Amino acid sequence: MEAGGGEESLDVQGAAAAAEPSFSGHKQTSAKPVWTLLEEAAQMKTEGNAFYREKNVRSAIGRYHRALLVLRGLDSDVMTSVKGFGPEPPALTPEQEAALRNTQVDCYNNLAACLLQKQSVDYARVREYSLRVLQWRPGDVKALYRAGVATLEMGDAQTAKQYLTMACREQPNDANVRKHLQRAEEKLNRELQKERAMYRGMFSSSLKSTSREGINQTNRAAK
């Protein structure tokens, strides 16, 4: 299933835009009550989930991005970087703060899941979104798993193993987690074997060089 070009442009922009302050966007959101914005974002997330279930990944990505953009002006962590410029973000009650974070966590988690479904996977973006989730929810198993997969694909098996080991502790019977953890361990083992072979070669060359030097010294002494 394909969506319109508007959804694709949101995908190219990336959810990183939702983490950057925008004065025009902030002015728009500040005119609406906090709960209205939170409900709008939750509705967009729900629509994104429906698109994802229909395998319409592009449209799902667009909805998740839109939800994050709606929430941007409410997030004090985002707006701190422009403190003193434009309106201050509204003060949130604990309940509103929890709703904000829950929607953000779900959207970033779901964005990472969507990106892993694409034909050409942007593993750096998958890791970025997963780490953003872990910043707010350190034990999130889905984020740990996806951060591990993305990090492994980017070539860092050691860090990937750390993420996947933590995910495996939480879900020891998850076949996907165990499969990728095994992949990370196998890659580390191959790297270790290559390193050992390299050092053996260097040590062997050093011994040969020392042996030849000793023979030459003996021959010179005999003369």
C-alpha atoms as a PDB file:
ATOM      1  CA  MET A   1       0.000   0.000   0.000  1.00  0.00           C
ATOM      2  CA  GLU A   2       1.284   3.462  -0.861  1.00  0.00           C
ATOM      3  CA  ALA A   3       0.509   6.823   0.712  1.00  0.00           C
ATOM      4  CA  GLY A   4       0.623  10.311  -0.700  1.00  0.00           C
ATOM      5  CA  GLY A   5       3.746  12.386  -1.117  1.00  0.00           C
ATOM      6  CA  GLY A   6       3.004  14.365   2.038  1.00  0.00           C
ATOM      7  CA  GLU A   7       3.581  11.306   4.173  1.00  0.00           C
ATOM      8  CA  GLU A   8       6.865  10.548   2.417  1.00  0.00           C
ATOM      9  CA  SER A   9       8.172  14.061   3.032  1.00  0.00           C
ATOM     10  CA  LEU A  10       7.530  13.596   6.744  1.00  0.00           C
ATOM     11  CA  ASP A  11       9.543  10.387   6.617  1.00  0.00           C
ATOM     12  CA  VAL A  12      12.461  12.186   4.964  1.00  0.00           C
ATOM     13  CA  GLN A  13      12.285  14.997   7.526  1.00  0.00           C
ATOM     14  CA  GLY A  14      12.483  12.410  10.289  1.00  0.00           C
ATOM     15  CA  ALA A  15      11.181  12.515  13.833  1.00  0.00           C
ATOM     16  CA  ALA A  16      14.316  14.447  14.715  1.00  0.00           C
ATOM     17  CA  ALA A  17      12.349  17.514  13.638  1.00  0.00           C
ATOM     18  CA  ALA A  18      10.050  16.867  16.569  1.00  0.00           C
ATOM     19  CA  ALA A  19      12.996  17.275  18.901  1.00  0.00           C
ATOM     20  CA  GLU A  20      13.947  20.663  17.441  1.00  0.00           C
ATOM     21  CA  PRO A  21      12.170  23.797  18.679  1.00  0.00           C
ATOM     22  CA  SER A  22      10.089  25.776  16.201  1.00  0.00           C
ATOM     23  CA  PHE A  23       8.800  29.207  17.085  1.00  0.00           C
ATOM     24  CA  SER A  24       5.951  29.107  14.556  1.00  0.00           C
ATOM     25  CA  GLY A  25       4.919  25.612  15.649  1.00  0.00           C
ATOM     26  CA  HIS A  26       5.160  26.593  19.299  1.00  0.00           C
ATOM     27  CA  LYS A  27       2.885  29.596  18.779  1.00  0.00           C
ATOM     28  CA  GLN A  28       0.289  27.349  17.196  1.00  0.00           C
ATOM     29  CA  THR A  29       0.307  24.755  19.967  1.00  0.00           C
ATOM     30  CA  SER A  30       0.334  27.329  22.785  1.00  0.00           C
ATOM     31  CA  ALA A  31      -3.120  28.568  21.666  1.00  0.00           C
ATOM     32  CA  LYS A  32      -4.716  25.193  22.440  1.00  0.00           C
ATOM     33  CA  PRO A  33      -5.374  23.619  25.848  1.00  0.00           C
ATOM     34  CA  VAL A  34      -2.820  21.032  26.920  1.00  0.00           C
ATOM     35  CA  TRP A  35      -5.289  18.163  27.074  1.00  0.00           C
ATOM     36  CA  THR A  36      -6.523  18.989  23.570  1.00  0.00           C
ATOM     37  CA  LEU A  37      -2.988  18.672  22.215  1.00  0.00           C
ATOM     38  CA  LEU A  38      -2.371  15.467  24.133  1.00  0.00           C
ATOM     39  CA  GLU A  39      -5.602  13.967  22.778  1.00  0.00           C
ATOM     40  CA  GLU A  40      -4.760  15.044  19.218  1.00  0.00           C
ATOM     41  CA  ALA A  41      -1.348  13.385  19.472  1.00  0.00           C
ATOM     42  CA  ALA A  42      -2.862  10.213  20.955  1.00  0.00           C
ATOM     43  CA  GLN A  43      -5.390  10.097  18.111  1.00  0.00           C
ATOM     44  CA  MET A  44      -2.635  10.455  15.493  1.00  0.00           C
ATOM     45  CA  LYS A  45      -0.715   7.656  17.182  1.00  0.00           C
ATOM     46  CA  THR A  46      -3.826   5.457  17.067  1.00  0.00           C
ATOM     47  CA  GLU A  47      -4.223   6.194  13.353  1.00  0.00           C
ATOM     48  CA  GLY A  48      -0.559   5.320  12.860  1.00  0.00           C
ATOM     49  CA  ASN A  49      -1.108   1.997  14.608  1.00  0.00           C
ATOM     50  CA  ALA A  50      -4.022   1.230  12.284  1.00  0.00           C
ATOM     51  CA  PHE A  51      -1.895   1.989   9.217  1.00  0.00           C
ATOM     52  CA  TYR A  52       0.896  -0.209  10.597  1.00  0.00           C
ATOM     53  CA  ARG A  53      -1.497  -3.134  11.060  1.00  0.00           C
ATOM     54  CA  GLU A  54      -2.541  -2.654   7.415  1.00  0.00           C
ATOM     55  CA  LYS A  55       1.134  -2.822   6.370  1.00  0.00           C
ATOM     56  CA  ASN A  56       0.932   0.813   5.217  1.00  0.00           C
ATOM     57  CA  VAL A  57       4.269   1.693   6.774  1.00  0.00           C
ATOM     58  CA  ARG A  58       4.713   5.038   5.037  1.00  0.00           C
ATOM     59  CA  SER A  59       1.401   6.420   6.272  1.00  0.00           C
ATOM     60  CA  ALA A  60       2.075   5.036   9.756  1.00  0.00           C
ATOM     61  CA  ILE A  61       5.403   6.863   9.838  1.00  0.00           C
ATOM     62  CA  GLY A  62       3.658  10.079   8.809  1.00  0.00           C
ATOM     63  CA  ARG A  63       1.101   9.820  11.625  1.00  0.00           C
ATOM     64  CA  TYR A  64       3.756   9.137  14.261  1.00  0.00           C
ATOM     65  CA  HIS A  65       5.783  12.126  13.078  1.00  0.00           C
ATOM     66  CA  ARG A  66       2.698  14.347  13.223  1.00  0.00           C
ATOM     67  CA  ALA A  67       1.920  13.202  16.753  1.00  0.00           C
ATOM     68  CA  LEU A  68       5.459  14.059  17.877  1.00  0.00           C
ATOM     69  CA  LEU A  69       5.266  17.475  16.225  1.00  0.00           C
ATOM     70  CA  VAL A  70       2.036  18.231  18.097  1.00  0.00           C
ATOM     71  CA  LEU A  71       3.735  17.331  21.384  1.00  0.00           C
ATOM     72  CA  ARG A  72       6.895  19.306  20.693  1.00  0.00           C
ATOM     73  CA  GLY A  73       5.668  22.575  22.157  1.00  0.00           C
ATOM     74  CA  LEU A  74       4.645  20.844  25.390  1.00  0.00           C
ATOM     75  CA  ASP A  75       7.999  19.194  26.023  1.00  0.00           C
ATOM     76  CA  SER A  76      10.090  21.269  28.406  1.00  0.00           C
ATOM     77  CA  ASP A  77      13.183  19.223  27.490  1.00  0.00           C
ATOM     78  CA  VAL A  78      12.867  20.388  23.883  1.00  0.00           C
ATOM     79  CA  MET A  79      12.016  24.002  24.639  1.00  0.00           C
ATOM     80  CA  THR A  80      14.817  24.473  27.194  1.00  0.00           C
ATOM     81  CA  SER A  81      17.274  25.083  24.337  1.00  0.00           C
ATOM     82  CA  VAL A  82      15.360  28.236  23.323  1.00  0.00           C
ATOM     83  CA  LYS A  83      14.479  29.521  26.769  1.00  0.00           C
ATOM     84  CA  GLY A  84      13.979  33.265  26.663  1.00  0.00           C
ATOM     85  CA  PHE A  85      12.805  33.252  23.034  1.00  0.00           C
ATOM     86  CA  GLY A  86       9.063  33.138  22.445  1.00  0.00           C
ATOM     87  CA  PRO A  87       6.398  31.777  24.818  1.00  0.00           C
ATOM     88  CA  GLU A  88       7.368  29.414  27.593  1.00  0.00           C
ATOM     89  CA  PRO A  89       6.007  25.844  27.375  1.00  0.00           C
ATOM     90  CA  PRO A  90       2.954  25.356  29.595  1.00  0.00           C
ATOM     91  CA  ALA A  91       3.440  23.799  32.998  1.00  0.00           C
ATOM     92  CA  LEU A  92       2.170  20.224  32.954  1.00  0.00           C
ATOM     93  CA  THR A  93       0.530  18.315  35.752  1.00  0.00           C
ATOM     94  CA  PRO A  94       2.083  14.936  36.625  1.00  0.00           C
ATOM     95  CA  GLU A  95      -0.786  13.246  34.776  1.00  0.00           C
ATOM     96  CA  GLN A  96      -0.200  15.364  31.660  1.00  0.00           C
ATOM     97  CA  GLU A  97       3.553  14.765  31.827  1.00  0.00           C
ATOM     98  CA  ALA A  98       2.944  11.007  31.993  1.00  0.00           C
ATOM     99  CA  ALA A  99       0.567  11.163  29.008  1.00  0.00           C
ATOM    100  CA  LEU A 100       3.122  13.193  27.038  1.00  0.00           C
ATOM    101  CA  ARG A 101       5.954  10.737  27.705  1.00  0.00           C
ATOM    102  CA  ASN A 102       3.824   7.671  27.070  1.00  0.00           C
ATOM    103  CA  THR A 103       2.772   8.944  23.655  1.00  0.00           C
ATOM    104  CA  GLN A 104       6.328   9.988  22.791  1.00  0.00           C
ATOM    105  CA  VAL A 105       7.707   6.599  23.839  1.00  0.00           C
ATOM    106  CA  ASP A 106       5.061   4.742  21.828  1.00  0.00           C
ATOM    107  CA  CYS A 107       5.630   6.898  18.737  1.00  0.00           C
ATOM    108  CA  TYR A 108       9.417   6.551  18.773  1.00  0.00           C
ATOM    109  CA  ASN A 109       9.169   2.814  19.429  1.00  0.00           C
ATOM    110  CA  ASN A 110       6.688   2.433  16.594  1.00  0.00           C
ATOM    111  CA  LEU A 111       8.775   4.566  14.247  1.00  0.00           C
ATOM    112  CA  ALA A 112      11.742   2.283  14.847  1.00  0.00           C
ATOM    113  CA  ALA A 113       9.531  -0.737  14.131  1.00  0.00           C
ATOM    114  CA  CYS A 114       8.304   0.889  10.899  1.00  0.00           C
ATOM    115  CA  LEU A 115      11.805   1.667   9.695  1.00  0.00           C
ATOM    116  CA  LEU A 116      12.848  -1.949  10.225  1.00  0.00           C
ATOM    117  CA  GLN A 117      10.038  -2.950   7.842  1.00  0.00           C
ATOM    118  CA  LYS A 118      11.357  -0.824   4.983  1.00  0.00           C
ATOM    119  CA  GLN A 119      13.270  -2.333   2.090  1.00  0.00           C
ATOM    120  CA  SER A 120      16.266  -0.090   2.763  1.00  0.00           C
ATOM    121  CA  VAL A 121      16.673   0.226   6.523  1.00  0.00           C
ATOM    122  CA  ASP A 122      18.207   3.346   8.051  1.00  0.00           C
ATOM    123  CA  TYR A 123      19.799   1.637  11.047  1.00  0.00           C
ATOM    124  CA  ALA A 124      21.264   4.880  12.383  1.00  0.00           C
ATOM    125  CA  ARG A 125      17.746   6.329  12.613  1.00  0.00           C
ATOM    126  CA  VAL A 126      16.411   3.124  14.202  1.00  0.00           C
ATOM    127  CA  ARG A 127      19.103   3.358  16.863  1.00  0.00           C
ATOM    128  CA  GLU A 128      18.464   7.077  17.387  1.00  0.00           C
ATOM    129  CA  TYR A 129      14.745   6.527  18.005  1.00  0.00           C
ATOM    130  CA  SER A 130      15.369   3.519  20.254  1.00  0.00           C
ATOM    131  CA  LEU A 131      17.913   5.388  22.357  1.00  0.00           C
ATOM    132  CA  ARG A 132      15.456   8.257  22.742  1.00  0.00           C
ATOM    133  CA  VAL A 133      12.985   5.787  24.222  1.00  0.00           C
ATOM    134  CA  LEU A 134      15.639   4.366  26.540  1.00  0.00           C
ATOM    135  CA  GLN A 135      16.442   7.867  27.750  1.00  0.00           C
ATOM    136  CA  TRP A 136      12.915   8.059  29.181  1.00  0.00           C
ATOM    137  CA  ARG A 137      12.305   4.356  29.828  1.00  0.00           C
ATOM    138  CA  PRO A 138      15.654   2.579  30.380  1.00  0.00           C
ATOM    139  CA  GLY A 139      14.246  -0.930  30.674  1.00  0.00           C
ATOM    140  CA  ASP A 140      12.014  -0.846  27.601  1.00  0.00           C
ATOM    141  CA  VAL A 141      12.546  -4.278  26.015  1.00  0.00           C
ATOM    142  CA  LYS A 142      11.445  -3.301  22.506  1.00  0.00           C
ATOM    143  CA  ALA A 143      13.821  -0.335  22.464  1.00  0.00           C
ATOM    144  CA  LEU A 144      16.681  -2.436  23.850  1.00  0.00           C
ATOM    145  CA  TYR A 145      16.074  -5.073  21.184  1.00  0.00           C
ATOM    146  CA  ARG A 146      15.881  -2.597  18.300  1.00  0.00           C
ATOM    147  CA  ALA A 147      18.869  -0.614  19.541  1.00  0.00           C
ATOM    148  CA  GLY A 148      20.790  -3.891  19.667  1.00  0.00           C
ATOM    149  CA  VAL A 149      19.768  -4.944  16.162  1.00  0.00           C
ATOM    150  CA  ALA A 150      20.575  -1.521  14.692  1.00  0.00           C
ATOM    151  CA  THR A 151      23.907  -1.269  16.500  1.00  0.00           C
ATOM    152  CA  LEU A 152      24.856  -4.757  15.349  1.00  0.00           C
ATOM    153  CA  GLU A 153      24.035  -3.903  11.732  1.00  0.00           C
ATOM    154  CA  MET A 154      26.161  -0.765  12.070  1.00  0.00           C
ATOM    155  CA  GLY A 155      29.146  -2.937  13.020  1.00  0.00           C
ATOM    156  CA  ASP A 156      29.424  -2.467  16.799  1.00  0.00           C
ATOM    157  CA  ALA A 157      28.871  -6.009  18.071  1.00  0.00           C
ATOM    158  CA  GLN A 158      30.132  -5.244  21.580  1.00  0.00           C
ATOM    159  CA  THR A 159      27.573  -2.514  22.278  1.00  0.00           C
ATOM    160  CA  ALA A 160      24.890  -4.508  20.486  1.00  0.00           C
ATOM    161  CA  LYS A 161      25.555  -7.437  22.789  1.00  0.00           C
ATOM    162  CA  GLN A 162      25.035  -5.199  25.814  1.00  0.00           C
ATOM    163  CA  TYR A 163      21.624  -4.023  24.585  1.00  0.00           C
ATOM    164  CA  LEU A 164      20.538  -7.509  23.541  1.00  0.00           C
ATOM    165  CA  THR A 165      21.739  -9.083  26.796  1.00  0.00           C
ATOM    166  CA  MET A 166      19.589  -6.627  28.756  1.00  0.00           C
ATOM    167  CA  ALA A 167      16.629  -7.392  26.501  1.00  0.00           C
ATOM    168  CA  CYS A 168      17.215 -11.134  26.939  1.00  0.00           C
ATOM    169  CA  ARG A 169      17.181 -10.789  30.719  1.00  0.00           C
ATOM    170  CA  GLU A 170      13.705  -9.269  30.492  1.00  0.00           C
ATOM    171  CA  GLN A 171      12.425 -11.692  27.832  1.00  0.00           C
ATOM    172  CA  PRO A 172      14.607 -14.833  27.958  1.00  0.00           C
ATOM    173  CA  ASN A 173      12.209 -16.839  25.793  1.00  0.00           C
ATOM    174  CA  ASP A 174      11.983 -14.338  22.943  1.00  0.00           C
ATOM    175  CA  ALA A 175      13.368 -16.112  19.866  1.00  0.00           C
ATOM    176  CA  ASN A 176      14.243 -12.910  17.990  1.00  0.00           C
ATOM    177  CA  VAL A 177      16.176 -11.454  20.912  1.00  0.00           C
ATOM    178  CA  ARG A 178      18.117 -14.691  21.381  1.00  0.00           C
ATOM    179  CA  LYS A 179      18.822 -14.991  17.640  1.00  0.00           C
ATOM    180  CA  HIS A 180      20.354 -11.526  17.388  1.00  0.00           C
ATOM    181  CA  LEU A 181      22.225 -11.941  20.663  1.00  0.00           C
ATOM    182  CA  GLN A 182      23.766 -15.094  19.187  1.00  0.00           C
ATOM    183  CA  ARG A 183      24.661 -13.153  16.037  1.00  0.00           C
ATOM    184  CA  ALA A 184      26.424 -10.520  18.139  1.00  0.00           C
ATOM    185  CA  GLU A 185      28.341 -13.158  20.100  1.00  0.00           C
ATOM    186  CA  GLU A 186      29.370 -14.963  16.906  1.00  0.00           C
ATOM    187  CA  LYS A 187      30.586 -11.714  15.365  1.00  0.00           C
ATOM    188  CA  LEU A 188      32.605 -10.915  18.482  1.00  0.00           C
ATOM    189  CA  ASN A 189      34.090 -14.409  18.410  1.00  0.00           C
ATOM    190  CA  ARG A 190      35.106 -14.013  14.760  1.00  0.00           C
ATOM    191  CA  GLU A 191      36.696 -10.670  15.532  1.00  0.00           C
ATOM    192  CA  LEU A 192      38.568 -12.210  18.463  1.00  0.00           C
ATOM    193  CA  GLN A 193      39.862 -15.061  16.287  1.00  0.00           C
ATOM    194  CA  LYS A 194      41.058 -12.583  13.653  1.00  0.00           C
ATOM    195  CA  GLU A 195      42.807 -10.533  16.320  1.00  0.00           C
ATOM    196  CA  ARG A 196      44.510 -13.612  17.750  1.00  0.00           C
ATOM    197  CA  ALA A 197      45.610 -14.730  14.271  1.00  0.00           C
ATOM    198  CA  MET A 198      47.024 -11.278  13.616  1.00  0.00           C
ATOM    199  CA  TYR A 199      49.019 -11.312  16.856  1.00  0.00           C
ATOM    200  CA  ARG A 200      50.229 -14.855  16.181  1.00  0.00           C
ATOM    201  CA  GLY A 201      51.469 -13.695  12.776  1.00  0.00           C
ATOM    202  CA  MET A 202      53.212 -10.705  14.306  1.00  0.00           C
ATOM    203  CA  PHE A 203      54.798 -12.867  17.023  1.00  0.00           C
ATOM    204  CA  SER A 204      55.928 -15.465  14.477  1.00  0.00           C
ATOM    205  CA  SER A 205      57.494 -12.763  12.288  1.00  0.00           C
ATOM    206  CA  SER A 206      59.253 -11.323  15.320  1.00  0.00           C
ATOM    207  CA  LEU A 207      60.677 -14.752  16.273  1.00  0.00           C
ATOM    208  CA  LYS A 208      61.925 -15.370  12.730  1.00  0.00           C
ATOM    209  CA  SER A 209      63.564 -11.962  12.648  1.00  0.00           C
ATOM    210  CA  THR A 210      65.229 -12.573  16.023  1.00  0.00           C
ATOM    211  CA  SER A 211      66.382 -16.028  14.937  1.00  0.00           C
ATOM    212  CA  ARG A 212      67.914 -14.707  11.712  1.00  0.00           C
ATOM    213  CA  GLU A 213      69.696 -11.961  13.628  1.00  0.00           C
ATOM    214  CA  GLY A 214      71.096 -14.524  16.056  1.00  0.00           C
ATOM    215  CA  ILE A 215      72.422 -16.693  13.207  1.00  0.00           C
ATOM    216  CA  ASN A 216      74.039 -13.688  11.570  1.00  0.00           C
ATOM    217  CA  GLN A 217      75.737 -12.725  14.818  1.00  0.00           C
ATOM    218  CA  THR A 218      77.013 -16.288  15.275  1.00  0.00           C
ATOM    219  CA  ASN A 219      78.392 -16.353  11.753  1.00  0.00           C
ATOM    220  CA  ARG A 220      80.160 -13.029  12.237  1.00  0.00           C
ATOM    221  CA  ALA A 221      81.636 -14.272  15.509  1.00  0.00           C
ATOM    222  CA  ALA A 222      82.933 -17.451  13.812  1.00  0.00           C
ATOM    223  CA  LYS A 223      84.788 -15.372  11.209  1.00  0.00           C
END
